[in-house]
């Protein structure tokens, strides 16, 4: 196993998401209200445009865009750009998630939920996101039937 499951404290962190489509929108929802989010893209889907609490920057990605961020998510529809974001982030010691290729990730974003005093996360290491989501829902229903 190449990944170590950890719970990362993201309080006060600044996150850059590069990409303005539906994949980026899912990542934003995952982080919204937890970190300061800036999104860079040449264009944004309607869902992202309607989100509150994020900063939108309409432009093409450049390496210098990473300056000042703690976490970056590469969520463009261009694998070459996503790979470049990964390499740039690595050179600047910034944790990076690539939404389209686990090969260019420092961390994965599992399916998760909070239940009482627990955080339950499920990961297929990027091999079956739908399977992780389905298993998460089954575990959630199971826990709701217990008195823990």
N, C-alpha and C. Protein backbone atom coordinates (compact mmCIF):
# COMPACT_ATOMS: atom_id res chain seq x y z
N UNK A 1 0.86 -1.18 0.00
CA UNK A 1 0.00 0.00 0.00
C UNK A 1 0.89 1.23 0.00
N UNK A 2 0.69 2.10 -0.96
CA UNK A 2 1.51 3.30 -1.10
C UNK A 2 0.98 4.48 -0.29
N UNK A 3 -0.23 4.38 0.20
CA UNK A 3 -0.85 5.49 0.92
C UNK A 3 -1.00 5.16 2.40
N UNK A 4 -0.85 6.16 3.22
CA UNK A 4 -1.06 6.03 4.66
C UNK A 4 -2.35 6.77 5.00
N UNK A 5 -3.36 6.06 5.51
CA UNK A 5 -4.60 6.76 5.87
C UNK A 5 -4.36 7.68 7.06
N UNK A 6 -4.64 8.95 6.89
CA UNK A 6 -4.48 9.95 7.95
C UNK A 6 -5.66 10.89 7.93
N UNK A 7 -5.86 11.58 9.02
CA UNK A 7 -6.84 12.65 9.10
C UNK A 7 -6.03 13.94 9.16
N UNK A 8 -6.21 14.80 8.20
CA UNK A 8 -5.40 16.00 8.04
C UNK A 8 -6.16 17.21 8.60
N UNK A 9 -5.52 17.95 9.49
CA UNK A 9 -6.12 19.18 10.01
C UNK A 9 -5.94 20.27 8.96
N UNK A 10 -7.04 20.72 8.39
CA UNK A 10 -6.96 21.73 7.33
C UNK A 10 -7.43 23.11 7.79
N UNK A 11 -7.64 23.26 9.09
CA UNK A 11 -8.06 24.54 9.64
C UNK A 11 -7.06 25.63 9.26
N UNK A 12 -7.57 26.69 8.68
CA UNK A 12 -6.73 27.83 8.32
C UNK A 12 -5.89 27.63 7.07
N UNK A 13 -6.07 26.53 6.38
CA UNK A 13 -5.29 26.27 5.17
C UNK A 13 -5.90 26.98 3.97
N UNK A 14 -5.04 27.27 3.01
CA UNK A 14 -5.47 27.90 1.75
C UNK A 14 -5.37 26.84 0.65
N UNK A 15 -6.47 26.66 -0.08
CA UNK A 15 -6.53 25.63 -1.11
C UNK A 15 -6.76 26.26 -2.47
N UNK A 16 -5.96 25.84 -3.45
CA UNK A 16 -6.13 26.26 -4.83
C UNK A 16 -6.68 25.09 -5.62
N UNK A 17 -7.76 25.33 -6.34
CA UNK A 17 -8.30 24.33 -7.24
C UNK A 17 -8.15 24.88 -8.64
N UNK A 18 -7.50 24.10 -9.51
CA UNK A 18 -7.31 24.52 -10.89
C UNK A 18 -8.26 23.69 -11.75
N UNK A 19 -9.23 24.35 -12.33
CA UNK A 19 -10.25 23.70 -13.15
C UNK A 19 -11.61 24.28 -12.81
N UNK A 20 -12.46 24.38 -13.79
CA UNK A 20 -13.75 25.02 -13.56
C UNK A 20 -14.96 24.18 -13.95
N UNK A 21 -14.77 22.86 -14.07
CA UNK A 21 -15.87 21.99 -14.49
C UNK A 21 -16.51 21.24 -13.34
N UNK A 22 -17.26 20.19 -13.71
CA UNK A 22 -18.03 19.43 -12.72
C UNK A 22 -17.13 18.70 -11.71
N UNK A 23 -15.98 18.22 -12.16
CA UNK A 23 -15.06 17.54 -11.24
C UNK A 23 -14.56 18.53 -10.20
N UNK A 24 -14.18 19.72 -10.65
CA UNK A 24 -13.74 20.77 -9.73
C UNK A 24 -14.87 21.12 -8.76
N UNK A 25 -16.09 21.20 -9.26
CA UNK A 25 -17.24 21.52 -8.41
C UNK A 25 -17.41 20.50 -7.29
N UNK A 26 -17.23 19.21 -7.60
CA UNK A 26 -17.33 18.17 -6.57
C UNK A 26 -16.25 18.36 -5.51
N UNK A 27 -15.04 18.68 -5.94
CA UNK A 27 -13.94 18.89 -4.98
C UNK A 27 -14.21 20.11 -4.11
N UNK A 28 -14.75 21.16 -4.72
CA UNK A 28 -15.08 22.37 -3.95
C UNK A 28 -16.11 22.05 -2.88
N UNK A 29 -17.15 21.31 -3.24
CA UNK A 29 -18.18 20.94 -2.26
C UNK A 29 -17.57 20.18 -1.09
N UNK A 30 -16.62 19.33 -1.38
CA UNK A 30 -15.93 18.52 -0.38
C UNK A 30 -15.21 19.41 0.63
N UNK A 31 -14.67 20.53 0.16
CA UNK A 31 -13.84 21.40 1.00
C UNK A 31 -14.55 22.66 1.49
N UNK A 32 -15.67 23.00 0.90
CA UNK A 32 -16.36 24.25 1.20
C UNK A 32 -16.67 24.38 2.69
N UNK A 33 -16.30 25.52 3.24
CA UNK A 33 -16.52 25.76 4.65
C UNK A 33 -15.42 25.22 5.55
N UNK A 34 -14.47 24.51 4.96
CA UNK A 34 -13.38 23.93 5.74
C UNK A 34 -12.06 24.66 5.52
N UNK A 35 -11.87 25.19 4.29
CA UNK A 35 -10.63 25.89 3.94
C UNK A 35 -10.97 27.12 3.10
N UNK A 36 -10.00 28.00 2.96
CA UNK A 36 -10.13 29.14 2.05
C UNK A 36 -9.85 28.61 0.64
N UNK A 37 -10.81 28.81 -0.28
CA UNK A 37 -10.71 28.22 -1.61
C UNK A 37 -10.59 29.29 -2.69
N UNK A 38 -9.59 29.13 -3.55
CA UNK A 38 -9.46 29.92 -4.77
C UNK A 38 -9.52 28.95 -5.94
N UNK A 39 -10.28 29.31 -6.96
CA UNK A 39 -10.43 28.46 -8.14
C UNK A 39 -9.92 29.23 -9.35
N UNK A 40 -9.01 28.60 -10.09
CA UNK A 40 -8.47 29.20 -11.31
C UNK A 40 -8.93 28.37 -12.50
N UNK A 41 -9.48 29.06 -13.49
CA UNK A 41 -9.89 28.39 -14.73
C UNK A 41 -10.17 29.45 -15.79
N UNK A 42 -10.08 29.04 -17.04
CA UNK A 42 -10.44 29.95 -18.12
C UNK A 42 -11.96 30.15 -18.16
N UNK A 43 -12.69 29.16 -17.66
CA UNK A 43 -14.15 29.23 -17.63
C UNK A 43 -14.65 28.39 -16.46
N UNK A 44 -15.85 28.72 -15.98
CA UNK A 44 -16.43 28.02 -14.84
C UNK A 44 -17.82 27.50 -15.19
N UNK A 45 -18.13 26.29 -14.74
CA UNK A 45 -19.48 25.76 -14.94
C UNK A 45 -20.45 26.56 -14.07
N UNK A 46 -21.71 26.48 -14.41
CA UNK A 46 -22.74 27.24 -13.70
C UNK A 46 -22.74 26.94 -12.20
N UNK A 47 -22.55 25.68 -11.86
CA UNK A 47 -22.56 25.27 -10.45
C UNK A 47 -21.49 26.01 -9.65
N UNK A 48 -20.29 26.13 -10.20
CA UNK A 48 -19.21 26.84 -9.51
C UNK A 48 -19.52 28.33 -9.44
N UNK A 49 -20.04 28.90 -10.52
CA UNK A 49 -20.37 30.33 -10.54
C UNK A 49 -21.38 30.69 -9.45
N UNK A 50 -22.25 29.74 -9.11
CA UNK A 50 -23.30 29.99 -8.12
C UNK A 50 -22.85 29.74 -6.68
N UNK A 51 -21.66 29.19 -6.49
CA UNK A 51 -21.17 28.90 -5.14
C UNK A 51 -20.74 30.18 -4.45
N UNK A 52 -20.99 30.22 -3.16
CA UNK A 52 -20.57 31.36 -2.35
C UNK A 52 -19.39 30.95 -1.48
N UNK A 53 -18.58 31.93 -1.11
CA UNK A 53 -17.47 31.67 -0.20
C UNK A 53 -16.21 31.19 -0.88
N UNK A 54 -16.14 31.32 -2.21
CA UNK A 54 -14.92 30.95 -2.93
C UNK A 54 -14.49 32.11 -3.81
N UNK A 55 -13.21 32.15 -4.12
CA UNK A 55 -12.68 33.20 -5.00
C UNK A 55 -12.45 32.59 -6.37
N UNK A 56 -13.01 33.21 -7.41
CA UNK A 56 -12.84 32.74 -8.78
C UNK A 56 -11.86 33.65 -9.52
N UNK A 57 -10.90 33.04 -10.20
CA UNK A 57 -9.91 33.78 -10.99
C UNK A 57 -9.95 33.21 -12.40
N UNK A 58 -10.38 34.02 -13.36
CA UNK A 58 -10.52 33.57 -14.74
C UNK A 58 -9.20 33.79 -15.47
N UNK A 59 -8.44 32.69 -15.65
CA UNK A 59 -7.15 32.76 -16.34
C UNK A 59 -6.62 31.36 -16.56
N UNK A 60 -5.58 31.25 -17.38
CA UNK A 60 -4.88 29.98 -17.57
C UNK A 60 -3.92 29.77 -16.40
N UNK A 61 -3.67 28.51 -16.07
CA UNK A 61 -2.77 28.15 -14.97
C UNK A 61 -1.34 28.53 -15.28
N UNK A 62 -0.63 29.04 -14.26
CA UNK A 62 0.81 29.29 -14.30
C UNK A 62 1.40 28.79 -12.99
N UNK A 63 2.63 28.37 -13.01
CA UNK A 63 3.30 27.84 -11.81
C UNK A 63 3.23 28.81 -10.63
N UNK A 64 3.36 30.09 -10.90
CA UNK A 64 3.34 31.09 -9.82
C UNK A 64 1.99 31.17 -9.12
N UNK A 65 0.94 30.60 -9.73
CA UNK A 65 -0.38 30.60 -9.08
C UNK A 65 -0.38 29.81 -7.78
N UNK A 66 0.58 28.91 -7.61
CA UNK A 66 0.64 28.08 -6.41
C UNK A 66 1.16 28.81 -5.19
N UNK A 67 1.82 29.93 -5.40
CA UNK A 67 2.45 30.66 -4.30
C UNK A 67 1.42 31.06 -3.23
N UNK A 68 1.73 30.71 -2.00
CA UNK A 68 0.87 31.08 -0.87
C UNK A 68 -0.19 30.05 -0.52
N UNK A 69 -0.26 28.94 -1.27
CA UNK A 69 -1.27 27.92 -0.99
C UNK A 69 -0.65 26.73 -0.26
N UNK A 70 -1.47 26.07 0.55
CA UNK A 70 -1.04 24.90 1.31
C UNK A 70 -1.40 23.60 0.63
N UNK A 71 -2.49 23.62 -0.12
CA UNK A 71 -3.03 22.43 -0.78
C UNK A 71 -3.45 22.85 -2.18
N UNK A 72 -3.22 21.97 -3.16
CA UNK A 72 -3.68 22.26 -4.52
C UNK A 72 -4.37 21.03 -5.08
N UNK A 73 -5.43 21.29 -5.83
CA UNK A 73 -6.15 20.21 -6.50
C UNK A 73 -6.15 20.51 -8.00
N UNK A 74 -5.61 19.57 -8.76
CA UNK A 74 -5.58 19.67 -10.22
C UNK A 74 -6.83 18.99 -10.75
N UNK A 75 -7.77 19.78 -11.27
CA UNK A 75 -9.05 19.23 -11.73
C UNK A 75 -9.42 19.78 -13.10
N UNK A 76 -8.42 19.88 -13.98
CA UNK A 76 -8.71 20.33 -15.34
C UNK A 76 -9.05 19.12 -16.19
N UNK A 77 -9.49 19.36 -17.41
CA UNK A 77 -9.75 18.24 -18.32
C UNK A 77 -8.55 17.99 -19.24
N UNK A 78 -7.41 18.54 -18.86
CA UNK A 78 -6.17 18.40 -19.63
C UNK A 78 -5.12 17.70 -18.77
N UNK A 79 -4.85 16.43 -19.07
CA UNK A 79 -3.93 15.65 -18.24
C UNK A 79 -2.52 16.25 -18.22
N UNK A 80 -2.10 16.85 -19.31
CA UNK A 80 -0.78 17.48 -19.35
C UNK A 80 -0.70 18.62 -18.34
N UNK A 81 -1.75 19.43 -18.27
CA UNK A 81 -1.79 20.53 -17.30
C UNK A 81 -1.85 19.98 -15.88
N UNK A 82 -2.66 18.95 -15.66
CA UNK A 82 -2.75 18.35 -14.32
C UNK A 82 -1.40 17.80 -13.87
N UNK A 83 -0.68 17.17 -14.78
CA UNK A 83 0.65 16.65 -14.45
C UNK A 83 1.60 17.81 -14.11
N UNK A 84 1.53 18.90 -14.89
CA UNK A 84 2.40 20.05 -14.63
C UNK A 84 2.10 20.66 -13.27
N UNK A 85 0.81 20.73 -12.92
CA UNK A 85 0.42 21.25 -11.60
C UNK A 85 1.05 20.39 -10.51
N UNK A 86 0.98 19.07 -10.68
CA UNK A 86 1.58 18.14 -9.72
C UNK A 86 3.08 18.41 -9.57
N UNK A 87 3.79 18.50 -10.70
CA UNK A 87 5.23 18.72 -10.65
C UNK A 87 5.57 20.06 -10.01
N UNK A 88 4.81 21.11 -10.37
CA UNK A 88 5.05 22.43 -9.78
C UNK A 88 4.81 22.42 -8.28
N UNK A 89 3.72 21.77 -7.86
CA UNK A 89 3.39 21.70 -6.43
C UNK A 89 4.47 20.93 -5.67
N UNK A 90 4.93 19.84 -6.25
CA UNK A 90 5.99 19.06 -5.62
C UNK A 90 7.24 19.91 -5.41
N UNK A 91 7.59 20.70 -6.42
CA UNK A 91 8.78 21.57 -6.32
C UNK A 91 8.63 22.63 -5.24
N UNK A 92 7.38 22.97 -4.89
CA UNK A 92 7.13 24.00 -3.88
C UNK A 92 6.69 23.40 -2.55
N UNK A 93 6.79 22.08 -2.42
CA UNK A 93 6.40 21.37 -1.19
C UNK A 93 4.95 21.63 -0.79
N UNK A 94 4.08 21.60 -1.78
CA UNK A 94 2.64 21.79 -1.55
C UNK A 94 1.96 20.45 -1.82
N UNK A 95 1.11 20.02 -0.89
CA UNK A 95 0.35 18.79 -1.10
C UNK A 95 -0.58 18.95 -2.29
N UNK A 96 -0.64 17.92 -3.15
CA UNK A 96 -1.45 18.01 -4.36
C UNK A 96 -2.29 16.76 -4.56
N UNK A 97 -3.52 17.00 -5.02
CA UNK A 97 -4.42 15.93 -5.43
C UNK A 97 -4.73 16.15 -6.89
N UNK A 98 -4.62 15.10 -7.68
CA UNK A 98 -4.96 15.16 -9.09
C UNK A 98 -6.26 14.41 -9.26
N UNK A 99 -7.29 15.10 -9.69
CA UNK A 99 -8.63 14.51 -9.76
C UNK A 99 -8.74 13.43 -10.82
N UNK A 100 -7.79 13.37 -11.75
CA UNK A 100 -7.91 12.41 -12.85
C UNK A 100 -6.84 11.32 -12.86
N UNK A 101 -5.81 11.43 -12.04
CA UNK A 101 -4.74 10.44 -12.07
C UNK A 101 -4.08 10.30 -10.70
N UNK A 102 -4.27 9.15 -10.08
CA UNK A 102 -3.65 8.94 -8.76
C UNK A 102 -2.14 8.88 -8.85
N UNK A 103 -1.61 8.67 -10.05
CA UNK A 103 -0.16 8.66 -10.25
C UNK A 103 0.46 10.00 -9.89
N UNK A 104 -0.32 11.07 -10.06
CA UNK A 104 0.17 12.42 -9.78
C UNK A 104 -0.55 13.02 -8.58
N UNK A 105 -0.59 12.26 -7.50
CA UNK A 105 -1.25 12.68 -6.25
C UNK A 105 -0.33 12.48 -5.06
N UNK A 106 -0.39 13.41 -4.12
CA UNK A 106 0.21 13.19 -2.82
C UNK A 106 -0.82 12.62 -1.86
N UNK A 107 -2.08 12.90 -2.13
CA UNK A 107 -3.15 12.41 -1.27
C UNK A 107 -4.40 12.15 -2.10
N UNK A 108 -5.23 11.26 -1.60
CA UNK A 108 -6.52 10.96 -2.22
C UNK A 108 -7.61 11.54 -1.34
N UNK A 109 -8.74 11.80 -1.91
CA UNK A 109 -9.88 12.31 -1.15
C UNK A 109 -10.94 11.21 -1.08
N UNK A 110 -11.03 10.52 0.06
CA UNK A 110 -11.95 9.40 0.17
C UNK A 110 -13.40 9.86 0.34
N UNK A 111 -14.30 8.92 0.15
CA UNK A 111 -15.70 9.15 0.53
C UNK A 111 -15.70 9.14 2.05
N UNK A 112 -16.40 10.09 2.67
CA UNK A 112 -16.39 10.13 4.13
C UNK A 112 -17.69 10.71 4.66
N UNK A 113 -17.91 10.47 5.94
CA UNK A 113 -19.02 11.12 6.63
C UNK A 113 -18.68 11.20 8.12
N UNK A 114 -19.31 12.15 8.78
CA UNK A 114 -19.16 12.30 10.23
C UNK A 114 -20.40 11.72 10.87
N UNK A 115 -20.21 10.87 11.86
CA UNK A 115 -21.31 10.27 12.60
C UNK A 115 -20.98 10.39 14.08
N UNK A 116 -21.75 11.23 14.76
CA UNK A 116 -21.51 11.52 16.18
C UNK A 116 -20.06 11.93 16.37
N UNK A 117 -19.28 11.17 17.16
CA UNK A 117 -17.89 11.52 17.40
C UNK A 117 -16.91 10.78 16.47
N UNK A 118 -17.41 10.26 15.38
CA UNK A 118 -16.59 9.48 14.47
C UNK A 118 -16.51 10.13 13.10
N UNK A 119 -15.39 9.95 12.44
CA UNK A 119 -15.27 10.24 11.01
C UNK A 119 -14.97 8.91 10.35
N UNK A 120 -15.80 8.54 9.41
CA UNK A 120 -15.62 7.29 8.70
C UNK A 120 -15.27 7.63 7.26
N UNK A 121 -14.15 7.09 6.79
CA UNK A 121 -13.76 7.33 5.40
C UNK A 121 -13.50 6.01 4.70
N UNK A 122 -13.83 5.99 3.42
CA UNK A 122 -13.69 4.80 2.59
C UNK A 122 -12.91 5.19 1.35
N UNK A 123 -11.89 4.41 1.04
CA UNK A 123 -11.12 4.69 -0.17
C UNK A 123 -10.84 3.40 -0.93
N UNK A 124 -10.94 3.48 -2.23
CA UNK A 124 -10.57 2.37 -3.10
C UNK A 124 -9.23 2.70 -3.78
N UNK A 125 -8.52 3.68 -3.23
CA UNK A 125 -7.26 4.16 -3.79
C UNK A 125 -7.45 4.67 -5.21
N UNK A 126 -8.63 5.26 -5.45
CA UNK A 126 -8.92 5.84 -6.75
C UNK A 126 -9.40 4.84 -7.78
N UNK A 127 -9.54 3.57 -7.41
CA UNK A 127 -9.92 2.55 -8.38
C UNK A 127 -11.43 2.41 -8.56
N UNK A 128 -12.20 2.79 -7.56
CA UNK A 128 -13.65 2.66 -7.67
C UNK A 128 -14.35 3.71 -6.80
N UNK A 129 -14.36 4.97 -7.23
CA UNK A 129 -15.02 6.01 -6.45
C UNK A 129 -16.50 5.72 -6.18
N UNK A 130 -17.20 5.17 -7.16
CA UNK A 130 -18.61 4.84 -6.98
C UNK A 130 -18.78 3.74 -5.94
N UNK A 131 -17.88 2.76 -5.95
CA UNK A 131 -17.91 1.70 -4.96
C UNK A 131 -17.67 2.23 -3.55
N UNK A 132 -16.73 3.18 -3.43
CA UNK A 132 -16.46 3.80 -2.13
C UNK A 132 -17.68 4.54 -1.62
N UNK A 133 -18.34 5.27 -2.51
CA UNK A 133 -19.54 6.03 -2.12
C UNK A 133 -20.66 5.08 -1.70
N UNK A 134 -20.84 4.01 -2.43
CA UNK A 134 -21.88 3.03 -2.10
C UNK A 134 -21.61 2.38 -0.74
N UNK A 135 -20.36 1.98 -0.51
CA UNK A 135 -20.00 1.37 0.76
C UNK A 135 -20.18 2.37 1.91
N UNK A 136 -19.83 3.62 1.67
CA UNK A 136 -20.00 4.67 2.68
C UNK A 136 -21.47 4.76 3.10
N UNK A 137 -22.38 4.76 2.14
CA UNK A 137 -23.81 4.85 2.46
C UNK A 137 -24.29 3.63 3.25
N UNK A 138 -23.79 2.45 2.91
CA UNK A 138 -24.18 1.24 3.65
C UNK A 138 -23.67 1.28 5.08
N UNK A 139 -22.45 1.72 5.28
CA UNK A 139 -21.89 1.81 6.64
C UNK A 139 -22.64 2.87 7.44
N UNK A 140 -22.98 3.97 6.80
CA UNK A 140 -23.73 5.03 7.48
C UNK A 140 -25.08 4.51 7.97
N UNK A 141 -25.79 3.79 7.13
CA UNK A 141 -27.09 3.21 7.53
C UNK A 141 -26.90 2.21 8.67
N UNK A 142 -25.84 1.41 8.59
CA UNK A 142 -25.56 0.44 9.64
C UNK A 142 -25.32 1.14 10.98
N UNK A 143 -24.49 2.17 10.99
CA UNK A 143 -24.18 2.88 12.22
C UNK A 143 -25.41 3.56 12.81
N UNK A 144 -26.27 4.06 11.94
CA UNK A 144 -27.49 4.72 12.43
C UNK A 144 -28.39 3.74 13.16
N UNK A 145 -28.25 2.42 12.85
CA UNK A 145 -29.05 1.40 13.52
C UNK A 145 -28.44 0.93 14.84
N UNK A 146 -27.23 1.37 15.14
CA UNK A 146 -26.56 1.00 16.37
C UNK A 146 -26.67 2.12 17.39
N UNK A 147 -26.39 1.79 18.62
CA UNK A 147 -26.38 2.81 19.68
C UNK A 147 -24.93 3.02 20.12
N UNK A 148 -24.15 3.73 19.27
CA UNK A 148 -22.74 3.99 19.60
C UNK A 148 -22.51 5.46 19.80
